[in-house]
Amino acid sequence: MAKMMKQVQKMQSELVRVQEEVAEKTVEATAGGGAVRAVVNGRLEVKALQISPEAIDPEDPELLADLVLAAVNEGIRRAQEMVQKEMARVTGGLSIPGVF
């Protein structure tokens, strides 16, 4: 039992280490052929958003909103995949409740 508890503690500390690592990593996503670019980190925070001047049309603000949403949502999806992939390395594919 003591050995098992030690293994669980080791896995927990490894998970914390990996969470800290992925928090610093970022992924990028674009929409509109690169007109809008979003950068999202492993905490699922949008760290940067770039909009090319060509994407700004005062006559069609809804298009720009759609492009921003698409880039941000894709960035979040990619960041989630990155986190899950990194966590799977620690857990060996085990699904641990409360851990992403």
PDB file of N, CA and C in Angstrom:
ATOM      1  N   MET A   1       0.831  -1.198   0.000  1.00  0.00           N
ATOM      2  CA  MET A   1       0.000   0.000   0.000  1.00  0.00           C
ATOM      3  C   MET A   1       0.874   1.259   0.000  1.00  0.00           C
ATOM      4  N   ALA A   2       1.940   1.238   0.799  1.00  0.00           N
ATOM      5  CA  ALA A   2       2.844   2.389   0.860  1.00  0.00           C
ATOM      6  C   ALA A   2       3.504   2.633  -0.491  1.00  0.00           C
ATOM      7  N   LYS A   3       3.830   1.545  -1.168  1.00  0.00           N
ATOM      8  CA  LYS A   3       4.457   1.673  -2.488  1.00  0.00           C
ATOM      9  C   LYS A   3       3.481   2.320  -3.478  1.00  0.00           C
ATOM     10  N   MET A   4       2.226   1.897  -3.398  1.00  0.00           N
ATOM     11  CA  MET A   4       1.207   2.449  -4.295  1.00  0.00           C
ATOM     12  C   MET A   4       1.015   3.947  -4.033  1.00  0.00           C
ATOM     13  N   MET A   5       0.965   4.331  -2.770  1.00  0.00           N
ATOM     14  CA  MET A   5       0.805   5.748  -2.413  1.00  0.00           C
ATOM     15  C   MET A   5       1.995   6.564  -2.922  1.00  0.00           C
ATOM     16  N   LYS A   6       3.163   5.990  -2.837  1.00  0.00           N
ATOM     17  CA  LYS A   6       4.358   6.677  -3.313  1.00  0.00           C
ATOM     18  C   LYS A   6       4.277   6.900  -4.834  1.00  0.00           C
ATOM     19  N   GLN A   7       3.772   5.871  -5.546  1.00  0.00           N
ATOM     20  CA  GLN A   7       3.621   5.990  -7.002  1.00  0.00           C
ATOM     21  C   GLN A   7       2.591   7.075  -7.350  1.00  0.00           C
ATOM     22  N   VAL A   8       1.495   7.129  -6.583  1.00  0.00           N
ATOM     23  CA  VAL A   8       0.459   8.140  -6.831  1.00  0.00           C
ATOM     24  C   VAL A   8       1.029   9.540  -6.589  1.00  0.00           C
ATOM     25  N   GLN A   9       1.782   9.700  -5.507  1.00  0.00           N
ATOM     26  CA  GLN A   9       2.386  11.000  -5.211  1.00  0.00           C
ATOM     27  C   GLN A   9       3.362  11.413  -6.312  1.00  0.00           C
ATOM     28  N   LYS A  10       4.117  10.437  -6.806  1.00  0.00           N
ATOM     29  CA  LYS A  10       5.070  10.725  -7.885  1.00  0.00           C
ATOM     30  C   LYS A  10       4.318  11.180  -9.140  1.00  0.00           C
ATOM     31  N   MET A  11       3.209  10.498  -9.453  1.00  0.00           N
ATOM     32  CA  MET A  11       2.422  10.865 -10.624  1.00  0.00           C
ATOM     33  C   MET A  11       1.826  12.256 -10.442  1.00  0.00           C
ATOM     34  N   GLN A  12       1.346  12.560  -9.243  1.00  0.00           N
ATOM     35  CA  GLN A  12       0.771  13.881  -8.978  1.00  0.00           C
ATOM     36  C   GLN A  12       1.813  14.982  -9.184  1.00  0.00           C
ATOM     37  N   SER A  13       2.997  14.766  -8.681  1.00  0.00           N
ATOM     38  CA  SER A  13       4.030  15.795  -8.842  1.00  0.00           C
ATOM     39  C   SER A  13       4.435  15.928 -10.315  1.00  0.00           C
ATOM     40  N   GLU A  14       4.437  14.808 -11.008  1.00  0.00           N
ATOM     41  CA  GLU A  14       4.745  14.851 -12.441  1.00  0.00           C
ATOM     42  C   GLU A  14       3.643  15.596 -13.212  1.00  0.00           C
ATOM     43  N   LEU A  15       2.390  15.389 -12.820  1.00  0.00           N
ATOM     44  CA  LEU A  15       1.281  16.094 -13.459  1.00  0.00           C
ATOM     45  C   LEU A  15       1.392  17.604 -13.238  1.00  0.00           C
ATOM     46  N   VAL A  16       1.753  17.999 -12.035  1.00  0.00           N
ATOM     47  CA  VAL A  16       1.915  19.430 -11.739  1.00  0.00           C
ATOM     48  C   VAL A  16       3.029  20.011 -12.607  1.00  0.00           C
ATOM     49  N   ARG A  17       4.130  19.256 -12.713  1.00  0.00           N
ATOM     50  CA  ARG A  17       5.249  19.723 -13.541  1.00  0.00           C
ATOM     51  C   ARG A  17       4.812  19.894 -14.991  1.00  0.00           C
ATOM     52  N   VAL A  18       4.079  18.915 -15.518  1.00  0.00           N
ATOM     53  CA  VAL A  18       3.633  18.968 -16.918  1.00  0.00           C
ATOM     54  C   VAL A  18       2.639  20.120 -17.105  1.00  0.00           C
ATOM     55  N   GLN A  19       1.742  20.336 -16.128  1.00  0.00           N
ATOM     56  CA  GLN A  19       0.783  21.441 -16.226  1.00  0.00           C
ATOM     57  C   GLN A  19       1.524  22.777 -16.309  1.00  0.00           C
ATOM     58  N   GLU A  20       2.575  22.914 -15.530  1.00  0.00           N
ATOM     59  CA  GLU A  20       3.352  24.152 -15.569  1.00  0.00           C
ATOM     60  C   GLU A  20       4.060  24.310 -16.918  1.00  0.00           C
ATOM     61  N   GLU A  21       4.545  23.209 -17.447  1.00  0.00           N
ATOM     62  CA  GLU A  21       5.227  23.262 -18.751  1.00  0.00           C
ATOM     63  C   GLU A  21       4.269  23.656 -19.864  1.00  0.00           C
ATOM     64  N   VAL A  22       3.113  23.001 -19.919  1.00  0.00           N
ATOM     65  CA  VAL A  22       2.181  23.278 -21.015  1.00  0.00           C
ATOM     66  C   VAL A  22       1.576  24.678 -20.890  1.00  0.00           C
ATOM     67  N   ALA A  23       1.530  25.207 -19.667  1.00  0.00           N
ATOM     68  CA  ALA A  23       1.016  26.569 -19.486  1.00  0.00           C
ATOM     69  C   ALA A  23       1.890  27.570 -20.235  1.00  0.00           C
ATOM     70  N   GLU A  24       3.158  27.251 -20.380  1.00  0.00           N
ATOM     71  CA  GLU A  24       4.090  28.139 -21.075  1.00  0.00           C
ATOM     72  C   GLU A  24       4.109  27.913 -22.585  1.00  0.00           C
ATOM     73  N   LYS A  25       3.634  26.769 -23.018  1.00  0.00           N
ATOM     74  CA  LYS A  25       3.626  26.475 -24.452  1.00  0.00           C
ATOM     75  C   LYS A  25       2.434  27.137 -25.120  1.00  0.00           C
ATOM     76  N   THR A  26       2.599  27.452 -26.405  1.00  0.00           N
ATOM     77  CA  THR A  26       1.504  28.073 -27.148  1.00  0.00           C
ATOM     78  C   THR A  26       1.286  27.340 -28.463  1.00  0.00           C
ATOM     79  N   VAL A  27       0.089  27.504 -28.981  1.00  0.00           N
ATOM     80  CA  VAL A  27      -0.254  27.007 -30.307  1.00  0.00           C
ATOM     81  C   VAL A  27      -0.862  28.167 -31.081  1.00  0.00           C
ATOM     82  N   GLU A  28      -0.831  28.058 -32.392  1.00  0.00           N
ATOM     83  CA  GLU A  28      -1.389  29.107 -33.239  1.00  0.00           C
ATOM     84  C   GLU A  28      -2.508  28.545 -34.096  1.00  0.00           C
ATOM     85  N   ALA A  29      -3.448  29.415 -34.415  1.00  0.00           N
ATOM     86  CA  ALA A  29      -4.508  29.050 -35.353  1.00  0.00           C
ATOM     87  C   ALA A  29      -4.830  30.286 -36.180  1.00  0.00           C
ATOM     88  N   THR A  30      -5.204  30.064 -37.420  1.00  0.00           N
ATOM     89  CA  THR A  30      -5.555  31.177 -38.290  1.00  0.00           C
ATOM     90  C   THR A  30      -6.917  30.943 -38.922  1.00  0.00           C
ATOM     91  N   ALA A  31      -7.496  32.020 -39.412  1.00  0.00           N
ATOM     92  CA  ALA A  31      -8.759  31.943 -40.144  1.00  0.00           C
ATOM     93  C   ALA A  31      -8.688  32.956 -41.280  1.00  0.00           C
ATOM     94  N   GLY A  32      -9.501  32.739 -42.280  1.00  0.00           N
ATOM     95  CA  GLY A  32      -9.546  33.659 -43.417  1.00  0.00           C
ATOM     96  C   GLY A  32      -8.254  33.663 -44.205  1.00  0.00           C
ATOM     97  N   GLY A  33      -7.654  32.490 -44.346  1.00  0.00           N
ATOM     98  CA  GLY A  33      -6.408  32.400 -45.093  1.00  0.00           C
ATOM     99  C   GLY A  33      -5.261  33.141 -44.430  1.00  0.00           C
ATOM    100  N   GLY A  34      -5.318  33.231 -43.110  1.00  0.00           N
ATOM    101  CA  GLY A  34      -4.244  33.885 -42.364  1.00  0.00           C
ATOM    102  C   GLY A  34      -4.544  35.338 -42.023  1.00  0.00           C
ATOM    103  N   ALA A  35      -5.727  35.813 -42.382  1.00  0.00           N
ATOM    104  CA  ALA A  35      -6.093  37.201 -42.096  1.00  0.00           C
ATOM    105  C   ALA A  35      -6.216  37.461 -40.594  1.00  0.00           C
ATOM    106  N   VAL A  36      -6.613  36.415 -39.854  1.00  0.00           N
ATOM    107  CA  VAL A  36      -6.714  36.521 -38.399  1.00  0.00           C
ATOM    108  C   VAL A  36      -5.899  35.380 -37.797  1.00  0.00           C
ATOM    109  N   ARG A  37      -5.082  35.724 -36.812  1.00  0.00           N
ATOM    110  CA  ARG A  37      -4.211  34.739 -36.174  1.00  0.00           C
ATOM    111  C   ARG A  37      -4.381  34.826 -34.663  1.00  0.00           C
ATOM    112  N   ALA A  38      -4.619  33.675 -34.027  1.00  0.00           N
ATOM    113  CA  ALA A  38      -4.772  33.626 -32.570  1.00  0.00           C
ATOM    114  C   ALA A  38      -3.689  32.723 -31.990  1.00  0.00           C
ATOM    115  N   VAL A  39      -3.136  33.138 -30.855  1.00  0.00           N
ATOM    116  CA  VAL A  39      -2.139  32.341 -30.132  1.00  0.00           C
ATOM    117  C   VAL A  39      -2.740  32.022 -28.760  1.00  0.00           C
ATOM    118  N   VAL A  40      -2.779  30.732 -28.429  1.00  0.00           N
ATOM    119  CA  VAL A  40      -3.406  30.270 -27.188  1.00  0.00           C
ATOM    120  C   VAL A  40      -2.392  29.428 -26.427  1.00  0.00           C
ATOM    121  N   ASN A  41      -2.342  29.604 -25.097  1.00  0.00           N
ATOM    122  CA  ASN A  41      -1.395  28.804 -24.314  1.00  0.00           C
ATOM    123  C   ASN A  41      -2.094  27.586 -23.690  1.00  0.00           C
ATOM    124  N   GLY A  42      -1.319  26.811 -22.966  1.00  0.00           N
ATOM    125  CA  GLY A  42      -1.840  25.585 -22.361  1.00  0.00           C
ATOM    126  C   GLY A  42      -2.834  25.811 -21.240  1.00  0.00           C
ATOM    127  N   ARG A  43      -2.975  27.033 -20.790  1.00  0.00           N
ATOM    128  CA  ARG A  43      -4.019  27.372 -19.816  1.00  0.00           C
ATOM    129  C   ARG A  43      -5.293  27.810 -20.526  1.00  0.00           C
ATOM    130  N   LEU A  44      -5.279  27.678 -21.833  1.00  0.00           N
ATOM    131  CA  LEU A  44      -6.390  28.057 -22.699  1.00  0.00           C
ATOM    132  C   LEU A  44      -6.660  29.566 -22.643  1.00  0.00           C
ATOM    133  N   GLU A  45      -5.585  30.331 -22.466  1.00  0.00           N
ATOM    134  CA  GLU A  45      -5.669  31.779 -22.497  1.00  0.00           C
ATOM    135  C   GLU A  45      -5.242  32.263 -23.877  1.00  0.00           C
ATOM    136  N   VAL A  46      -5.988  33.184 -24.446  1.00  0.00           N
ATOM    137  CA  VAL A  46      -5.594  33.777 -25.723  1.00  0.00           C
ATOM    138  C   VAL A  46      -4.495  34.778 -25.414  1.00  0.00           C
ATOM    139  N   LYS A  47      -3.296  34.506 -25.907  1.00  0.00           N
ATOM    140  CA  LYS A  47      -2.130  35.339 -25.601  1.00  0.00           C
ATOM    141  C   LYS A  47      -1.897  36.423 -26.642  1.00  0.00           C
ATOM    142  N   ALA A  48      -2.353  36.188 -27.858  1.00  0.00           N
ATOM    143  CA  ALA A  48      -2.176  37.187 -28.911  1.00  0.00           C
ATOM    144  C   ALA A  48      -3.267  37.010 -29.961  1.00  0.00           C
ATOM    145  N   LEU A  49      -3.635  38.108 -30.557  1.00  0.00           N
ATOM    146  CA  LEU A  49      -4.610  38.104 -31.644  1.00  0.00           C
ATOM    147  C   LEU A  49      -4.143  39.131 -32.661  1.00  0.00           C
ATOM    148  N   GLN A  50      -3.909  38.676 -33.886  1.00  0.00           N
ATOM    149  CA  GLN A  50      -3.468  39.585 -34.940  1.00  0.00           C
ATOM    150  C   GLN A  50      -4.498  39.587 -36.063  1.00  0.00           C
ATOM    151  N   ILE A  51      -4.811  40.782 -36.512  1.00  0.00           N
ATOM    152  CA  ILE A  51      -5.777  40.944 -37.596  1.00  0.00           C
ATOM    153  C   ILE A  51      -5.106  41.754 -38.688  1.00  0.00           C
ATOM    154  N   SER A  52      -5.061  41.194 -39.878  1.00  0.00           N
ATOM    155  CA  SER A  52      -4.441  41.941 -40.974  1.00  0.00           C
ATOM    156  C   SER A  52      -5.380  43.053 -41.422  1.00  0.00           C
ATOM    157  N   PRO A  53      -4.829  44.153 -41.871  1.00  0.00           N
ATOM    158  CA  PRO A  53      -5.674  45.282 -42.288  1.00  0.00           C
ATOM    159  C   PRO A  53      -6.685  44.906 -43.373  1.00  0.00           C
ATOM    160  N   GLU A  54      -6.328  43.950 -44.215  1.00  0.00           N
ATOM    161  CA  GLU A  54      -7.250  43.554 -45.288  1.00  0.00           C
ATOM    162  C   GLU A  54      -8.524  42.915 -44.751  1.00  0.00           C
ATOM    163  N   ALA A  55      -8.444  42.381 -43.528  1.00  0.00           N
ATOM    164  CA  ALA A  55      -9.606  41.694 -42.953  1.00  0.00           C
ATOM    165  C   ALA A  55     -10.621  42.674 -42.366  1.00  0.00           C
ATOM    166  N   ILE A  56     -10.235  43.936 -42.280  1.00  0.00           N
ATOM    167  CA  ILE A  56     -11.110  44.925 -41.651  1.00  0.00           C
ATOM    168  C   ILE A  56     -11.911  45.645 -42.738  1.00  0.00           C
ATOM    169  N   ASP A  57     -13.175  45.322 -42.780  1.00  0.00           N
ATOM    170  CA  ASP A  57     -14.084  45.947 -43.728  1.00  0.00           C
ATOM    171  C   ASP A  57     -15.209  46.606 -42.932  1.00  0.00           C
ATOM    172  N   PRO A  58     -15.209  47.937 -42.853  1.00  0.00           N
ATOM    173  CA  PRO A  58     -16.251  48.616 -42.068  1.00  0.00           C
ATOM    174  C   PRO A  58     -17.667  48.297 -42.544  1.00  0.00           C
ATOM    175  N   GLU A  59     -17.771  47.860 -43.780  1.00  0.00           N
ATOM    176  CA  GLU A  59     -19.087  47.516 -44.319  1.00  0.00           C
ATOM    177  C   GLU A  59     -19.556  46.127 -43.884  1.00  0.00           C
ATOM    178  N   ASP A  60     -18.609  45.327 -43.368  1.00  0.00           N
ATOM    179  CA  ASP A  60     -18.957  43.944 -43.014  1.00  0.00           C
ATOM    180  C   ASP A  60     -18.266  43.513 -41.714  1.00  0.00           C
ATOM    181  N   PRO A  61     -18.632  44.134 -40.596  1.00  0.00           N
ATOM    182  CA  PRO A  61     -17.986  43.775 -39.324  1.00  0.00           C
ATOM    183  C   PRO A  61     -18.293  42.341 -38.884  1.00  0.00           C
ATOM    184  N   GLU A  62     -19.397  41.791 -39.357  1.00  0.00           N
ATOM    185  CA  GLU A  62     -19.751  40.423 -38.965  1.00  0.00           C
ATOM    186  C   GLU A  62     -18.747  39.408 -39.509  1.00  0.00           C
ATOM    187  N   LEU A  63     -18.216  39.670 -40.691  1.00  0.00           N
ATOM    188  CA  LEU A  63     -17.218  38.763 -41.258  1.00  0.00           C
ATOM    189  C   LEU A  63     -15.971  38.725 -40.371  1.00  0.00           C
ATOM    190  N   LEU A  64     -15.523  39.896 -39.940  1.00  0.00           N
ATOM    191  CA  LEU A  64     -14.358  39.947 -39.055  1.00  0.00           C
ATOM    192  C   LEU A  64     -14.645  39.213 -37.746  1.00  0.00           C
ATOM    193  N   ALA A  65     -15.833  39.422 -37.188  1.00  0.00           N
ATOM    194  CA  ALA A  65     -16.193  38.720 -35.948  1.00  0.00           C
ATOM    195  C   ALA A  65     -16.157  37.208 -36.166  1.00  0.00           C
ATOM    196  N   ASP A  66     -16.668  36.759 -37.293  1.00  0.00           N
ATOM    197  CA  ASP A  66     -16.649  35.313 -37.593  1.00  0.00           C
ATOM    198  C   ASP A  66     -15.221  34.792 -37.704  1.00  0.00           C
ATOM    199  N   LEU A  67     -14.351  35.567 -38.347  1.00  0.00           N
ATOM    200  CA  LEU A  67     -12.953  35.142 -38.493  1.00  0.00           C
ATOM    201  C   LEU A  67     -12.253  35.077 -37.136  1.00  0.00           C
ATOM    202  N   VAL A  68     -12.511  36.063 -36.292  1.00  0.00           N
ATOM    203  CA  VAL A  68     -11.905  36.060 -34.943  1.00  0.00           C
ATOM    204  C   VAL A  68     -12.390  34.849 -34.153  1.00  0.00           C
ATOM    205  N   LEU A  69     -13.690  34.611 -34.185  1.00  0.00           N
ATOM    206  CA  LEU A  69     -14.230  33.448 -33.470  1.00  0.00           C
ATOM    207  C   LEU A  69     -13.624  32.155 -33.977  1.00  0.00           C
ATOM    208  N   ALA A  70     -13.518  32.022 -35.281  1.00  0.00           N
ATOM    209  CA  ALA A  70     -12.967  30.791 -35.862  1.00  0.00           C
ATOM    210  C   ALA A  70     -11.519  30.586 -35.435  1.00  0.00           C
ATOM    211  N   ALA A  71     -10.714  31.637 -35.490  1.00  0.00           N
ATOM    212  CA  ALA A  71      -9.302  31.507 -35.115  1.00  0.00           C
ATOM    213  C   ALA A  71      -9.149  31.202 -33.629  1.00  0.00           C
ATOM    214  N   VAL A  72      -9.907  31.881 -32.795  1.00  0.00           N
ATOM    215  CA  VAL A  72      -9.807  31.656 -31.339  1.00  0.00           C
ATOM    216  C   VAL A  72     -10.295  30.251 -30.986  1.00  0.00           C
ATOM    217  N   ASN A  73     -11.416  29.846 -31.543  1.00  0.00           N
ATOM    218  CA  ASN A  73     -11.927  28.500 -31.233  1.00  0.00           C
ATOM    219  C   ASN A  73     -10.973  27.414 -31.699  1.00  0.00           C
ATOM    220  N   GLU A  74     -10.383  27.581 -32.864  1.00  0.00           N
ATOM    221  CA  GLU A  74      -9.421  26.593 -33.352  1.00  0.00           C
ATOM    222  C   GLU A  74      -8.163  26.603 -32.467  1.00  0.00           C
ATOM    223  N   GLY A  75      -7.739  27.777 -32.038  1.00  0.00           N
ATOM    224  CA  GLY A  75      -6.589  27.856 -31.135  1.00  0.00           C
ATOM    225  C   GLY A  75      -6.861  27.135 -29.825  1.00  0.00           C
ATOM    226  N   ILE A  76      -8.029  27.321 -29.272  1.00  0.00           N
ATOM    227  CA  ILE A  76      -8.392  26.641 -28.021  1.00  0.00           C
ATOM    228  C   ILE A  76      -8.432  25.129 -28.237  1.00  0.00           C
ATOM    229  N   ARG A  77      -8.993  24.704 -29.362  1.00  0.00           N
ATOM    230  CA  ARG A  77      -9.061  23.262 -29.653  1.00  0.00           C
ATOM    231  C   ARG A  77      -7.648  22.673 -29.746  1.00  0.00           C
ATOM    232  N   ARG A  78      -6.771  23.371 -30.438  1.00  0.00           N
ATOM    233  CA  ARG A  78      -5.397  22.878 -30.576  1.00  0.00           C
ATOM    234  C   ARG A  78      -4.669  22.868 -29.232  1.00  0.00           C
ATOM    235  N   ALA A  79      -4.914  23.875 -28.411  1.00  0.00           N
ATOM    236  CA  ALA A  79      -4.278  23.925 -27.085  1.00  0.00           C
ATOM    237  C   ALA A  79      -4.773  22.762 -26.218  1.00  0.00           C
ATOM    238  N   GLN A  80      -6.057  22.471 -26.293  1.00  0.00           N
ATOM    239  CA  GLN A  80      -6.600  21.344 -25.525  1.00  0.00           C
ATOM    240  C   GLN A  80      -5.950  20.039 -25.973  1.00  0.00           C
ATOM    241  N   GLU A  81      -5.789  19.874 -27.271  1.00  0.00           N
ATOM    242  CA  GLU A  81      -5.131  18.668 -27.788  1.00  0.00           C
ATOM    243  C   GLU A  81      -3.698  18.567 -27.276  1.00  0.00           C
ATOM    244  N   MET A  82      -2.987  19.689 -27.283  1.00  0.00           N
ATOM    245  CA  MET A  82      -1.605  19.707 -26.811  1.00  0.00           C
ATOM    246  C   MET A  82      -1.542  19.290 -25.338  1.00  0.00           C
ATOM    247  N   VAL A  83      -2.435  19.842 -24.529  1.00  0.00           N
ATOM    248  CA  VAL A  83      -2.449  19.524 -23.098  1.00  0.00           C
ATOM    249  C   VAL A  83      -2.770  18.046 -22.890  1.00  0.00           C
ATOM    250  N   GLN A  84      -3.784  17.544 -23.581  1.00  0.00           N
ATOM    251  CA  GLN A  84      -4.165  16.143 -23.428  1.00  0.00           C
ATOM    252  C   GLN A  84      -3.021  15.218 -23.834  1.00  0.00           C
ATOM    253  N   LYS A  85      -2.336  15.579 -24.900  1.00  0.00           N
ATOM    254  CA  LYS A  85      -1.215  14.763 -25.379  1.00  0.00           C
ATOM    255  C   LYS A  85      -0.091  14.728 -24.336  1.00  0.00           C
ATOM    256  N   GLU A  86       0.219  15.884 -23.761  1.00  0.00           N
ATOM    257  CA  GLU A  86       1.280  15.949 -22.747  1.00  0.00           C
ATOM    258  C   GLU A  86       0.881  15.196 -21.482  1.00  0.00           C
ATOM    259  N   MET A  87      -0.372  15.332 -21.083  1.00  0.00           N
ATOM    260  CA  MET A  87      -0.842  14.640 -19.879  1.00  0.00           C
ATOM    261  C   MET A  87      -0.872  13.128 -20.078  1.00  0.00           C
ATOM    262  N   ALA A  88      -1.198  12.704 -21.277  1.00  0.00           N
ATOM    263  CA  ALA A  88      -1.244  11.263 -21.559  1.00  0.00           C
ATOM    264  C   ALA A  88       0.133  10.622 -21.396  1.00  0.00           C
ATOM    265  N   ARG A  89       1.176  11.415 -21.625  1.00  0.00           N
ATOM    266  CA  ARG A  89       2.525  10.882 -21.430  1.00  0.00           C
ATOM    267  C   ARG A  89       2.759  10.510 -19.968  1.00  0.00           C
ATOM    268  N   VAL A  90       2.160  11.268 -19.057  1.00  0.00           N
ATOM    269  CA  VAL A  90       2.338  11.024 -17.621  1.00  0.00           C
ATOM    270  C   VAL A  90       1.406   9.928 -17.130  1.00  0.00           C
ATOM    271  N   THR A  91       0.154  10.001 -17.568  1.00  0.00           N
ATOM    272  CA  THR A  91      -0.853   9.078 -17.051  1.00  0.00           C
ATOM    273  C   THR A  91      -0.892   7.764 -17.819  1.00  0.00           C
ATOM    274  N   GLY A  92      -0.190   7.694 -18.916  1.00  0.00           N
ATOM    275  CA  GLY A  92      -0.206   6.475 -19.718  1.00  0.00           C
ATOM    276  C   GLY A  92      -1.555   6.249 -20.363  1.00  0.00           C
ATOM    277  N   GLY A  93      -2.311   7.324 -20.561  1.00  0.00           N
ATOM    278  CA  GLY A  93      -3.614   7.213 -21.203  1.00  0.00           C
ATOM    279  C   GLY A  93      -4.757   7.009 -20.233  1.00  0.00           C
ATOM    280  N   LEU A  94      -4.460   6.910 -18.924  1.00  0.00           N
ATOM    281  CA  LEU A  94      -5.516   6.769 -17.931  1.00  0.00           C
ATOM    282  C   LEU A  94      -6.307   8.064 -17.851  1.00  0.00           C
ATOM    283  N   SER A  95      -7.615   7.933 -17.746  1.00  0.00           N
ATOM    284  CA  SER A  95      -8.456   9.106 -17.574  1.00  0.00           C
ATOM    285  C   SER A  95      -8.583   9.382 -16.083  1.00  0.00           C
ATOM    286  N   ILE A  96      -8.031  10.514 -15.651  1.00  0.00           N
ATOM    287  CA  ILE A  96      -8.067  10.874 -14.240  1.00  0.00           C
ATOM    288  C   ILE A  96      -9.026  12.040 -14.070  1.00  0.00           C
ATOM    289  N   PRO A  97     -10.126  11.842 -13.329  1.00  0.00           N
ATOM    290  CA  PRO A  97     -11.091  12.927 -13.151  1.00  0.00           C
ATOM    291  C   PRO A  97     -10.434  14.176 -12.568  1.00  0.00           C
ATOM    292  N   GLY A  98     -10.807  15.310 -13.113  1.00  0.00           N
ATOM    293  CA  GLY A  98     -10.283  16.573 -12.622  1.00  0.00           C
ATOM    294  C   GLY A  98      -8.972  16.984 -13.244  1.00  0.00           C
ATOM    295  N   VAL A  99      -8.418  16.132 -14.097  1.00  0.00           N
ATOM    296  CA  VAL A  99      -7.153  16.437 -14.762  1.00  0.00           C
ATOM    297  C   VAL A  99      -7.446  16.518 -16.253  1.00  0.00           C
ATOM    298  N   PHE A 100      -7.811  17.675 -16.712  1.00  0.00           N
ATOM    299  CA  PHE A 100      -8.105  17.958 -18.117  1.00  0.00           C
ATOM    300  C   PHE A 100      -9.012  16.924 -18.710  1.00  0.00           C
TER     301      PHE A 100
END
